[in-house]
Amino acid sequence: MTYTLTGLEGKVAVVTGAGRMRSIGRPIAVELARAGCDVVLTGTGRAADRYPDDEKAAGWHDIELVAAEVEALGRRALPVVSDVSDAAAVEALADLVEAEMGRVDIVVNNAGAARGEDRAPVVELDLDVWRHVIDVNLHGVLYMSRTFAQRFLAAGTPGAIVNISSVGGKIAGPSTAAYSASKAGVHAVTAAMAKELGAAGIRVNALCPGIIDTSRLDDIDRGERWERLVETQIPLRRAGEGLDIAAVTVFLCSDQGSWVTGQQWNVDGGQLTIH
């Protein structure tokens, strides 16, 4: 017997940060398309010389190639270079989506600031780095959620917003103040908006991935250190994959997830067992 998720056929989904080859955004976009959605994919338009080595070797072309994967599944795709940290750019994106796709039903806020200089003790943290992480990770979610929720309300249609957060927003480990604060802020925005918009049929949830095997974590060598991290931190004894996050995202956007809102779900192999 097959249990099928419903309610996604013909819907239009916007997925930010969807251009990386080994990522969370790419499988979210592809799996939403597989479930029946047309997909708008955004990326920053990063230069090819900034791609990881495996993307360079594969001849990767960011959101353009992910758009091709969506189209190969028989769905429409619209790749757009956009900056979620710029409120005006987000308004322009919403206008473009409505003009090109005719509607929007789902927003997945996945774009995030790159991991790097933000990993420093607070007393050593460069304030420009702090602002950049907050601008992308928190303000980006706020701008996208606010702007598209306004469009849902104006159209009188229900909608689903899924914010890709992190267990880091709950753990708040040392040398992660900027990242952890941005993700904790996402949890607050998620909860407040869910309560504000529920009566209009607009659902807002956050997913909190744990250790996911993507290019974002390539600063951790996939050898003994990685294996020790997985063994000591994850009860299920494997790192997550982008598909693990995509599967839960699709569920939250489906009819079967229609009574879930205001949540910050950990999807982490058991790493964290608190709300």
C-alpha atoms as a PDB file:
ATOM      1  CA  MET A   1       0.000   0.000   0.000  1.00  0.00           C
ATOM      2  CA  THR A   2       1.303   3.437  -0.963  1.00  0.00           C
ATOM      3  CA  TYR A   3       0.599   6.516   1.145  1.00  0.00           C
ATOM      4  CA  THR A   4       0.636   9.592  -1.067  1.00  0.00           C
ATOM      5  CA  LEU A   5       1.001  13.220   0.001  1.00  0.00           C
ATOM      6  CA  THR A   6      -1.647  15.399  -1.617  1.00  0.00           C
ATOM      7  CA  GLY A   7      -2.453  19.046  -2.251  1.00  0.00           C
ATOM      8  CA  LEU A   8       0.747  20.033  -4.056  1.00  0.00           C
ATOM      9  CA  GLU A   9      -0.198  19.512  -7.690  1.00  0.00           C
ATOM     10  CA  GLY A  10      -0.089  22.825  -9.579  1.00  0.00           C
ATOM     11  CA  LYS A  11       1.104  24.845  -6.586  1.00  0.00           C
ATOM     12  CA  VAL A  12       3.884  27.419  -6.971  1.00  0.00           C
ATOM     13  CA  ALA A  13       6.787  27.267  -4.525  1.00  0.00           C
ATOM     14  CA  VAL A  14       9.614  29.761  -3.985  1.00  0.00           C
ATOM     15  CA  VAL A  15      12.831  28.231  -2.623  1.00  0.00           C
ATOM     16  CA  THR A  16      15.698  30.536  -1.675  1.00  0.00           C
ATOM     17  CA  GLY A  17      19.325  29.436  -1.597  1.00  0.00           C
ATOM     18  CA  ALA A  18      18.605  26.654  -4.085  1.00  0.00           C
ATOM     19  CA  GLY A  19      21.752  26.641  -6.218  1.00  0.00           C
ATOM     20  CA  ARG A  20      24.333  24.504  -4.417  1.00  0.00           C
ATOM     21  CA  MET A  21      25.054  21.025  -5.743  1.00  0.00           C
ATOM     22  CA  ARG A  22      25.461  19.343  -2.332  1.00  0.00           C
ATOM     23  CA  SER A  23      22.931  21.232  -0.297  1.00  0.00           C
ATOM     24  CA  ILE A  24      19.559  21.418   1.367  1.00  0.00           C
ATOM     25  CA  GLY A  25      17.948  23.891  -1.044  1.00  0.00           C
ATOM     26  CA  ARG A  26      18.466  21.850  -4.196  1.00  0.00           C
ATOM     27  CA  PRO A  27      16.685  18.680  -2.988  1.00  0.00           C
ATOM     28  CA  ILE A  28      13.886  20.768  -1.490  1.00  0.00           C
ATOM     29  CA  ALA A  29      13.277  22.364  -4.887  1.00  0.00           C
ATOM     30  CA  VAL A  30      13.495  19.043  -6.738  1.00  0.00           C
ATOM     31  CA  GLU A  31      11.257  17.139  -4.314  1.00  0.00           C
ATOM     32  CA  LEU A  32       8.609  19.867  -4.350  1.00  0.00           C
ATOM     33  CA  ALA A  33       8.649  19.584  -8.138  1.00  0.00           C
ATOM     34  CA  ARG A  34       8.369  15.810  -7.897  1.00  0.00           C
ATOM     35  CA  ALA A  35       5.305  16.337  -5.679  1.00  0.00           C
ATOM     36  CA  GLY A  36       3.685  18.519  -8.342  1.00  0.00           C
ATOM     37  CA  CYS A  37       4.884  22.079  -7.709  1.00  0.00           C
ATOM     38  CA  ASP A  38       6.218  24.622 -10.144  1.00  0.00           C
ATOM     39  CA  VAL A  39       9.316  26.121  -8.522  1.00  0.00           C
ATOM     40  CA  VAL A  40      10.977  29.527  -8.361  1.00  0.00           C
ATOM     41  CA  LEU A  41      14.633  29.086  -7.378  1.00  0.00           C
ATOM     42  CA  THR A  42      16.767  31.910  -6.052  1.00  0.00           C
ATOM     43  CA  GLY A  43      20.500  32.216  -5.609  1.00  0.00           C
ATOM     44  CA  THR A  44      23.033  34.976  -5.159  1.00  0.00           C
ATOM     45  CA  GLY A  45      24.585  34.657  -8.606  1.00  0.00           C
ATOM     46  CA  ARG A  46      27.943  33.752  -7.078  1.00  0.00           C
ATOM     47  CA  ALA A  47      30.898  33.693  -9.458  1.00  0.00           C
ATOM     48  CA  ALA A  48      32.092  30.290 -10.683  1.00  0.00           C
ATOM     49  CA  ASP A  49      35.495  30.807  -9.022  1.00  0.00           C
ATOM     50  CA  ARG A  50      33.687  30.651  -5.654  1.00  0.00           C
ATOM     51  CA  TYR A  51      32.267  27.196  -6.318  1.00  0.00           C
ATOM     52  CA  PRO A  52      33.616  24.257  -4.284  1.00  0.00           C
ATOM     53  CA  ASP A  53      36.042  22.016  -6.163  1.00  0.00           C
ATOM     54  CA  ASP A  54      33.465  19.291  -6.779  1.00  0.00           C
ATOM     55  CA  GLU A  55      31.088  21.803  -8.366  1.00  0.00           C
ATOM     56  CA  LYS A  56      33.862  23.111 -10.601  1.00  0.00           C
ATOM     57  CA  ALA A  57      34.755  19.570 -11.634  1.00  0.00           C
ATOM     58  CA  ALA A  58      31.105  18.798 -12.405  1.00  0.00           C
ATOM     59  CA  GLY A  59      30.683  21.944 -14.505  1.00  0.00           C
ATOM     60  CA  TRP A  60      28.003  23.149 -12.115  1.00  0.00           C
ATOM     61  CA  HIS A  61      25.874  26.177 -13.034  1.00  0.00           C
ATOM     62  CA  ASP A  62      24.038  26.978  -9.828  1.00  0.00           C
ATOM     63  CA  ILE A  63      20.280  27.647 -10.012  1.00  0.00           C
ATOM     64  CA  GLU A  64      20.226  27.136 -13.779  1.00  0.00           C
ATOM     65  CA  LEU A  65      21.023  23.438 -13.397  1.00  0.00           C
ATOM     66  CA  VAL A  66      18.563  22.981 -10.551  1.00  0.00           C
ATOM     67  CA  ALA A  67      15.923  24.631 -12.739  1.00  0.00           C
ATOM     68  CA  ALA A  68      16.728  22.068 -15.428  1.00  0.00           C
ATOM     69  CA  GLU A  69      16.152  19.273 -12.884  1.00  0.00           C
ATOM     70  CA  VAL A  70      12.763  20.747 -12.028  1.00  0.00           C
ATOM     71  CA  GLU A  71      11.817  20.984 -15.719  1.00  0.00           C
ATOM     72  CA  ALA A  72      12.935  17.395 -16.302  1.00  0.00           C
ATOM     73  CA  LEU A  73      10.175  16.402 -13.860  1.00  0.00           C
ATOM     74  CA  GLY A  74       7.619  18.154 -16.041  1.00  0.00           C
ATOM     75  CA  ARG A  75       7.231  21.259 -13.901  1.00  0.00           C
ATOM     76  CA  ARG A  76       7.858  24.933 -14.636  1.00  0.00           C
ATOM     77  CA  ALA A  77      11.009  26.485 -13.200  1.00  0.00           C
ATOM     78  CA  LEU A  78      12.019  30.106 -12.785  1.00  0.00           C
ATOM     79  CA  PRO A  79      15.629  30.732 -11.689  1.00  0.00           C
ATOM     80  CA  VAL A  80      16.166  34.218 -10.240  1.00  0.00           C
ATOM     81  CA  VAL A  81      19.281  35.922  -8.877  1.00  0.00           C
ATOM     82  CA  SER A  82      18.094  37.726  -5.754  1.00  0.00           C
ATOM     83  CA  ASP A  83      19.381  38.984  -2.413  1.00  0.00           C
ATOM     84  CA  VAL A  84      17.134  38.047   0.518  1.00  0.00           C
ATOM     85  CA  SER A  85      18.902  40.550   2.776  1.00  0.00           C
ATOM     86  CA  ASP A  86      17.638  43.424   0.602  1.00  0.00           C
ATOM     87  CA  ALA A  87      13.984  44.237   1.311  1.00  0.00           C
ATOM     88  CA  ALA A  88      13.551  46.003  -2.039  1.00  0.00           C
ATOM     89  CA  ALA A  89      14.992  43.002  -3.876  1.00  0.00           C
ATOM     90  CA  VAL A  90      12.518  40.727  -2.082  1.00  0.00           C
ATOM     91  CA  GLU A  91       9.604  42.964  -3.159  1.00  0.00           C
ATOM     92  CA  ALA A  92      10.909  42.826  -6.740  1.00  0.00           C
ATOM     93  CA  LEU A  93      11.129  39.040  -6.490  1.00  0.00           C
ATOM     94  CA  ALA A  94       7.512  38.814  -5.325  1.00  0.00           C
ATOM     95  CA  ASP A  95       6.393  41.038  -8.211  1.00  0.00           C
ATOM     96  CA  LEU A  96       8.308  38.860 -10.678  1.00  0.00           C
ATOM     97  CA  VAL A  97       6.877  35.626  -9.285  1.00  0.00           C
ATOM     98  CA  GLU A  98       3.326  36.947  -9.568  1.00  0.00           C
ATOM     99  CA  ALA A  99       3.935  38.219 -13.110  1.00  0.00           C
ATOM    100  CA  GLU A 100       5.657  35.068 -14.384  1.00  0.00           C
ATOM    101  CA  MET A 101       3.941  32.315 -12.390  1.00  0.00           C
ATOM    102  CA  GLY A 102       0.564  33.921 -11.670  1.00  0.00           C
ATOM    103  CA  ARG A 103       0.471  32.956  -7.988  1.00  0.00           C
ATOM    104  CA  VAL A 104       2.513  31.716  -5.062  1.00  0.00           C
ATOM    105  CA  ASP A 105       1.480  29.102  -2.513  1.00  0.00           C
ATOM    106  CA  ILE A 106       4.666  28.028  -0.729  1.00  0.00           C
ATOM    107  CA  VAL A 107       7.784  29.842   0.475  1.00  0.00           C
ATOM    108  CA  VAL A 108      10.844  27.966   1.706  1.00  0.00           C
ATOM    109  CA  ASN A 109      13.420  30.244   3.309  1.00  0.00           C
ATOM    110  CA  ASN A 110      16.654  28.310   2.932  1.00  0.00           C
ATOM    111  CA  ALA A 111      19.222  30.991   1.997  1.00  0.00           C
ATOM    112  CA  GLY A 112      21.962  31.395   4.573  1.00  0.00           C
ATOM    113  CA  ALA A 113      25.216  33.242   5.131  1.00  0.00           C
ATOM    114  CA  ALA A 114      28.351  31.216   4.470  1.00  0.00           C
ATOM    115  CA  ARG A 115      30.039  29.581   7.439  1.00  0.00           C
ATOM    116  CA  GLY A 116      33.453  31.038   8.236  1.00  0.00           C
ATOM    117  CA  GLU A 117      34.549  34.234   9.967  1.00  0.00           C
ATOM    118  CA  ASP A 118      31.416  34.234  12.123  1.00  0.00           C
ATOM    119  CA  ARG A 119      32.794  31.230  14.047  1.00  0.00           C
ATOM    120  CA  ALA A 120      34.559  33.313  16.695  1.00  0.00           C
ATOM    121  CA  PRO A 121      34.103  34.166  20.375  1.00  0.00           C
ATOM    122  CA  VAL A 122      31.852  37.178  20.919  1.00  0.00           C
ATOM    123  CA  VAL A 123      34.739  39.270  22.276  1.00  0.00           C
ATOM    124  CA  GLU A 124      36.607  38.689  18.998  1.00  0.00           C
ATOM    125  CA  LEU A 125      33.675  38.742  16.584  1.00  0.00           C
ATOM    126  CA  ASP A 126      33.912  41.369  13.846  1.00  0.00           C
ATOM    127  CA  LEU A 127      30.739  43.453  13.962  1.00  0.00           C
ATOM    128  CA  ASP A 128      30.460  43.609  10.175  1.00  0.00           C
ATOM    129  CA  VAL A 129      30.469  39.804  10.122  1.00  0.00           C
ATOM    130  CA  TRP A 130      27.790  39.774  12.840  1.00  0.00           C
ATOM    131  CA  ARG A 131      25.623  42.161  10.808  1.00  0.00           C
ATOM    132  CA  HIS A 132      26.040  40.119   7.628  1.00  0.00           C
ATOM    133  CA  VAL A 133      24.917  36.890   9.296  1.00  0.00           C
ATOM    134  CA  ILE A 134      21.916  38.595  10.887  1.00  0.00           C
ATOM    135  CA  ASP A 135      21.050  40.369   7.622  1.00  0.00           C
ATOM    136  CA  VAL A 136      20.973  37.150   5.592  1.00  0.00           C
ATOM    137  CA  ASN A 137      19.784  34.561   8.102  1.00  0.00           C
ATOM    138  CA  LEU A 138      17.265  36.576  10.102  1.00  0.00           C
ATOM    139  CA  HIS A 139      16.355  39.684   8.117  1.00  0.00           C
ATOM    140  CA  GLY A 140      16.191  37.572   4.964  1.00  0.00           C
ATOM    141  CA  VAL A 141      13.616  35.268   6.557  1.00  0.00           C
ATOM    142  CA  LEU A 142      11.668  38.246   7.884  1.00  0.00           C
ATOM    143  CA  TYR A 143      11.620  40.075   4.530  1.00  0.00           C
ATOM    144  CA  MET A 144      10.634  36.972   2.551  1.00  0.00           C
ATOM    145  CA  SER A 145       7.998  35.832   5.039  1.00  0.00           C
ATOM    146  CA  ARG A 146       6.523  39.303   5.496  1.00  0.00           C
ATOM    147  CA  THR A 147       6.393  40.135   1.792  1.00  0.00           C
ATOM    148  CA  PHE A 148       4.893  36.860   0.622  1.00  0.00           C
ATOM    149  CA  ALA A 149       2.467  36.686   3.550  1.00  0.00           C
ATOM    150  CA  GLN A 150       1.215  40.099   2.463  1.00  0.00           C
ATOM    151  CA  ARG A 151       0.611  38.629  -1.003  1.00  0.00           C
ATOM    152  CA  PHE A 152      -1.233  35.631   0.473  1.00  0.00           C
ATOM    153  CA  LEU A 153      -3.461  37.962   2.481  1.00  0.00           C
ATOM    154  CA  ALA A 154      -4.131  40.271  -0.475  1.00  0.00           C
ATOM    155  CA  ALA A 155      -5.142  37.301  -2.632  1.00  0.00           C
ATOM    156  CA  GLY A 156      -7.211  35.770   0.162  1.00  0.00           C
ATOM    157  CA  THR A 157      -5.454  32.444  -0.305  1.00  0.00           C
ATOM    158  CA  PRO A 158      -3.864  30.107   2.234  1.00  0.00           C
ATOM    159  CA  GLY A 159      -0.128  29.477   2.111  1.00  0.00           C
ATOM    160  CA  ALA A 160       2.739  27.613   3.695  1.00  0.00           C
ATOM    161  CA  ILE A 161       6.032  29.118   4.833  1.00  0.00           C
ATOM    162  CA  VAL A 162       8.875  26.828   5.894  1.00  0.00           C
ATOM    163  CA  ASN A 163      11.956  28.422   7.432  1.00  0.00           C
ATOM    164  CA  ILE A 164      15.107  26.307   7.313  1.00  0.00           C
ATOM    165  CA  SER A 165      16.696  27.035  10.665  1.00  0.00           C
ATOM    166  CA  SER A 166      19.155  24.890  12.662  1.00  0.00           C
ATOM    167  CA  VAL A 167      19.580  23.065  15.941  1.00  0.00           C
ATOM    168  CA  GLY A 168      22.261  25.713  16.445  1.00  0.00           C
ATOM    169  CA  GLY A 169      19.484  28.154  17.302  1.00  0.00           C
ATOM    170  CA  LYS A 170      18.700  25.977  20.337  1.00  0.00           C
ATOM    171  CA  ILE A 171      22.166  24.741  21.317  1.00  0.00           C
ATOM    172  CA  ALA A 172      23.933  28.134  21.003  1.00  0.00           C
ATOM    173  CA  GLY A 173      27.418  26.684  21.287  1.00  0.00           C
ATOM    174  CA  PRO A 174      30.639  28.653  21.824  1.00  0.00           C
ATOM    175  CA  SER A 175      31.929  30.660  18.863  1.00  0.00           C
ATOM    176  CA  THR A 176      28.519  30.557  17.162  1.00  0.00           C
ATOM    177  CA  ALA A 177      26.866  33.667  18.624  1.00  0.00           C
ATOM    178  CA  ALA A 178      25.984  35.284  15.297  1.00  0.00           C
ATOM    179  CA  TYR A 179      24.667  32.104  13.715  1.00  0.00           C
ATOM    180  CA  SER A 180      22.848  30.927  16.832  1.00  0.00           C
ATOM    181  CA  ALA A 181      21.264  34.330  17.441  1.00  0.00           C
ATOM    182  CA  SER A 182      20.081  34.515  13.843  1.00  0.00           C
ATOM    183  CA  LYS A 183      18.456  31.079  14.042  1.00  0.00           C
ATOM    184  CA  ALA A 184      16.897  31.711  17.463  1.00  0.00           C
ATOM    185  CA  GLY A 185      15.452  34.857  15.919  1.00  0.00           C
ATOM    186  CA  VAL A 186      14.002  32.770  13.097  1.00  0.00           C
ATOM    187  CA  HIS A 187      12.241  30.634  15.710  1.00  0.00           C
ATOM    188  CA  ALA A 188      10.684  33.734  17.263  1.00  0.00           C
ATOM    189  CA  VAL A 189       9.543  35.105  13.902  1.00  0.00           C
ATOM    190  CA  THR A 190       8.123  31.687  12.995  1.00  0.00           C
ATOM    191  CA  ALA A 191       6.101  31.405  16.211  1.00  0.00           C
ATOM    192  CA  ALA A 192       4.772  34.971  16.096  1.00  0.00           C
ATOM    193  CA  MET A 193       3.743  34.812  12.441  1.00  0.00           C
ATOM    194  CA  ALA A 194       2.058  31.436  12.897  1.00  0.00           C
ATOM    195  CA  LYS A 195      -0.166  32.931  15.594  1.00  0.00           C
ATOM    196  CA  GLU A 196      -0.845  36.073  13.570  1.00  0.00           C
ATOM    197  CA  LEU A 197      -1.668  34.349  10.278  1.00  0.00           C
ATOM    198  CA  GLY A 198      -3.338  31.109  11.298  1.00  0.00           C
ATOM    199  CA  ALA A 199      -6.874  32.481  10.951  1.00  0.00           C
ATOM    200  CA  ALA A 200      -6.105  33.230   7.286  1.00  0.00           C
ATOM    201  CA  GLY A 201      -5.005  29.645   6.666  1.00  0.00           C
ATOM    202  CA  ILE A 202      -1.337  30.594   6.433  1.00  0.00           C
ATOM    203  CA  ARG A 203       0.969  28.148   8.186  1.00  0.00           C
ATOM    204  CA  VAL A 204       4.490  29.031   9.287  1.00  0.00           C
ATOM    205  CA  ASN A 205       6.978  26.430  10.514  1.00  0.00           C
ATOM    206  CA  ALA A 206      10.719  26.076  10.981  1.00  0.00           C
ATOM    207  CA  LEU A 207      12.900  23.024  10.457  1.00  0.00           C
ATOM    208  CA  CYS A 208      16.075  22.632  12.503  1.00  0.00           C
ATOM    209  CA  PRO A 209      18.582  20.426  10.694  1.00  0.00           C
ATOM    210  CA  GLY A 210      21.459  18.912  12.610  1.00  0.00           C
ATOM    211  CA  ILE A 211      24.667  17.669  10.986  1.00  0.00           C
ATOM    212  CA  ILE A 212      23.902  17.517   7.254  1.00  0.00           C
ATOM    213  CA  ASP A 213      26.483  16.281   4.741  1.00  0.00           C
ATOM    214  CA  THR A 214      26.616  19.305   2.434  1.00  0.00           C
ATOM    215  CA  SER A 215      29.309  21.581   1.059  1.00  0.00           C
ATOM    216  CA  ARG A 216      28.533  24.014   3.888  1.00  0.00           C
ATOM    217  CA  LEU A 217      30.395  21.691   6.272  1.00  0.00           C
ATOM    218  CA  ASP A 218      33.379  21.071   4.024  1.00  0.00           C
ATOM    219  CA  ASP A 219      35.629  22.781   6.549  1.00  0.00           C
ATOM    220  CA  ILE A 220      35.299  19.503   8.476  1.00  0.00           C
ATOM    221  CA  ASP A 221      37.374  16.818   6.782  1.00  0.00           C
ATOM    222  CA  ARG A 222      35.319  13.727   5.880  1.00  0.00           C
ATOM    223  CA  GLY A 223      37.715  11.471   7.740  1.00  0.00           C
ATOM    224  CA  GLU A 224      38.281  10.528  11.356  1.00  0.00           C
ATOM    225  CA  ARG A 225      37.043  13.870  12.726  1.00  0.00           C
ATOM    226  CA  TRP A 226      33.780  13.615  10.777  1.00  0.00           C
ATOM    227  CA  GLU A 227      33.227   9.996  11.815  1.00  0.00           C
ATOM    228  CA  ARG A 228      33.852  10.870  15.452  1.00  0.00           C
ATOM    229  CA  LEU A 229      31.404  13.767  15.232  1.00  0.00           C
ATOM    230  CA  VAL A 230      28.694  11.524  13.803  1.00  0.00           C
ATOM    231  CA  GLU A 231      29.350   8.751  16.311  1.00  0.00           C
ATOM    232  CA  THR A 232      29.328  10.998  19.363  1.00  0.00           C
ATOM    233  CA  GLN A 233      26.573  13.450  18.392  1.00  0.00           C
ATOM    234  CA  ILE A 234      23.985  11.494  16.394  1.00  0.00           C
ATOM    235  CA  PRO A 235      22.119   8.554  17.979  1.00  0.00           C
ATOM    236  CA  LEU A 236      21.115   7.226  14.527  1.00  0.00           C
ATOM    237  CA  ARG A 237      24.829   7.084  13.641  1.00  0.00           C
ATOM    238  CA  ARG A 238      24.660   8.779  10.259  1.00  0.00           C
ATOM    239  CA  ALA A 239      24.865  12.343   9.079  1.00  0.00           C
ATOM    240  CA  GLY A 240      21.764  13.746   7.468  1.00  0.00           C
ATOM    241  CA  GLU A 241      21.329  14.409   3.771  1.00  0.00           C
ATOM    242  CA  GLY A 242      19.535  17.223   2.027  1.00  0.00           C
ATOM    243  CA  LEU A 243      16.798  14.757   1.114  1.00  0.00           C
ATOM    244  CA  ASP A 244      16.057  14.216   4.810  1.00  0.00           C
ATOM    245  CA  ILE A 245      15.177  17.893   5.132  1.00  0.00           C
ATOM    246  CA  ALA A 246      13.383  17.968   1.784  1.00  0.00           C
ATOM    247  CA  ALA A 247      11.076  15.099   2.788  1.00  0.00           C
ATOM    248  CA  VAL A 248       9.860  16.904   5.908  1.00  0.00           C
ATOM    249  CA  THR A 249       9.514  20.180   3.992  1.00  0.00           C
ATOM    250  CA  VAL A 250       7.266  18.549   1.401  1.00  0.00           C
ATOM    251  CA  PHE A 251       5.161  17.015   4.172  1.00  0.00           C
ATOM    252  CA  LEU A 252       4.694  20.384   5.896  1.00  0.00           C
ATOM    253  CA  CYS A 253       3.512  21.917   2.612  1.00  0.00           C
ATOM    254  CA  SER A 254       1.069  19.091   1.839  1.00  0.00           C
ATOM    255  CA  ASP A 255      -2.529  18.484   2.875  1.00  0.00           C
ATOM    256  CA  GLN A 256      -1.251  15.925   5.360  1.00  0.00           C
ATOM    257  CA  GLY A 257       0.746  18.646   7.161  1.00  0.00           C
ATOM    258  CA  SER A 258      -2.141  21.084   7.208  1.00  0.00           C
ATOM    259  CA  TRP A 259      -2.641  21.024  11.003  1.00  0.00           C
ATOM    260  CA  VAL A 260       0.972  21.868  11.809  1.00  0.00           C
ATOM    261  CA  THR A 261       1.997  25.469  12.375  1.00  0.00           C
ATOM    262  CA  GLY A 262       4.246  27.476  14.677  1.00  0.00           C
ATOM    263  CA  GLN A 263       6.682  24.601  15.171  1.00  0.00           C
ATOM    264  CA  GLN A 264      10.473  24.352  15.186  1.00  0.00           C
ATOM    265  CA  TRP A 265      11.046  20.688  14.359  1.00  0.00           C
ATOM    266  CA  ASN A 266      14.453  19.124  14.901  1.00  0.00           C
ATOM    267  CA  VAL A 267      15.475  16.937  11.952  1.00  0.00           C
ATOM    268  CA  ASP A 268      18.808  15.763  13.276  1.00  0.00           C
ATOM    269  CA  GLY A 269      19.013  12.005  13.793  1.00  0.00           C
ATOM    270  CA  GLY A 270      18.265  12.435  17.489  1.00  0.00           C
ATOM    271  CA  GLN A 271      21.081  14.897  18.241  1.00  0.00           C
ATOM    272  CA  LEU A 272      18.751  17.225  20.127  1.00  0.00           C
ATOM    273  CA  THR A 273      15.766  16.072  22.135  1.00  0.00           C
ATOM    274  CA  ILE A 274      14.477  19.424  23.391  1.00  0.00           C
ATOM    275  CA  HIS A 275      11.830  21.618  21.774  1.00  0.00           C
END
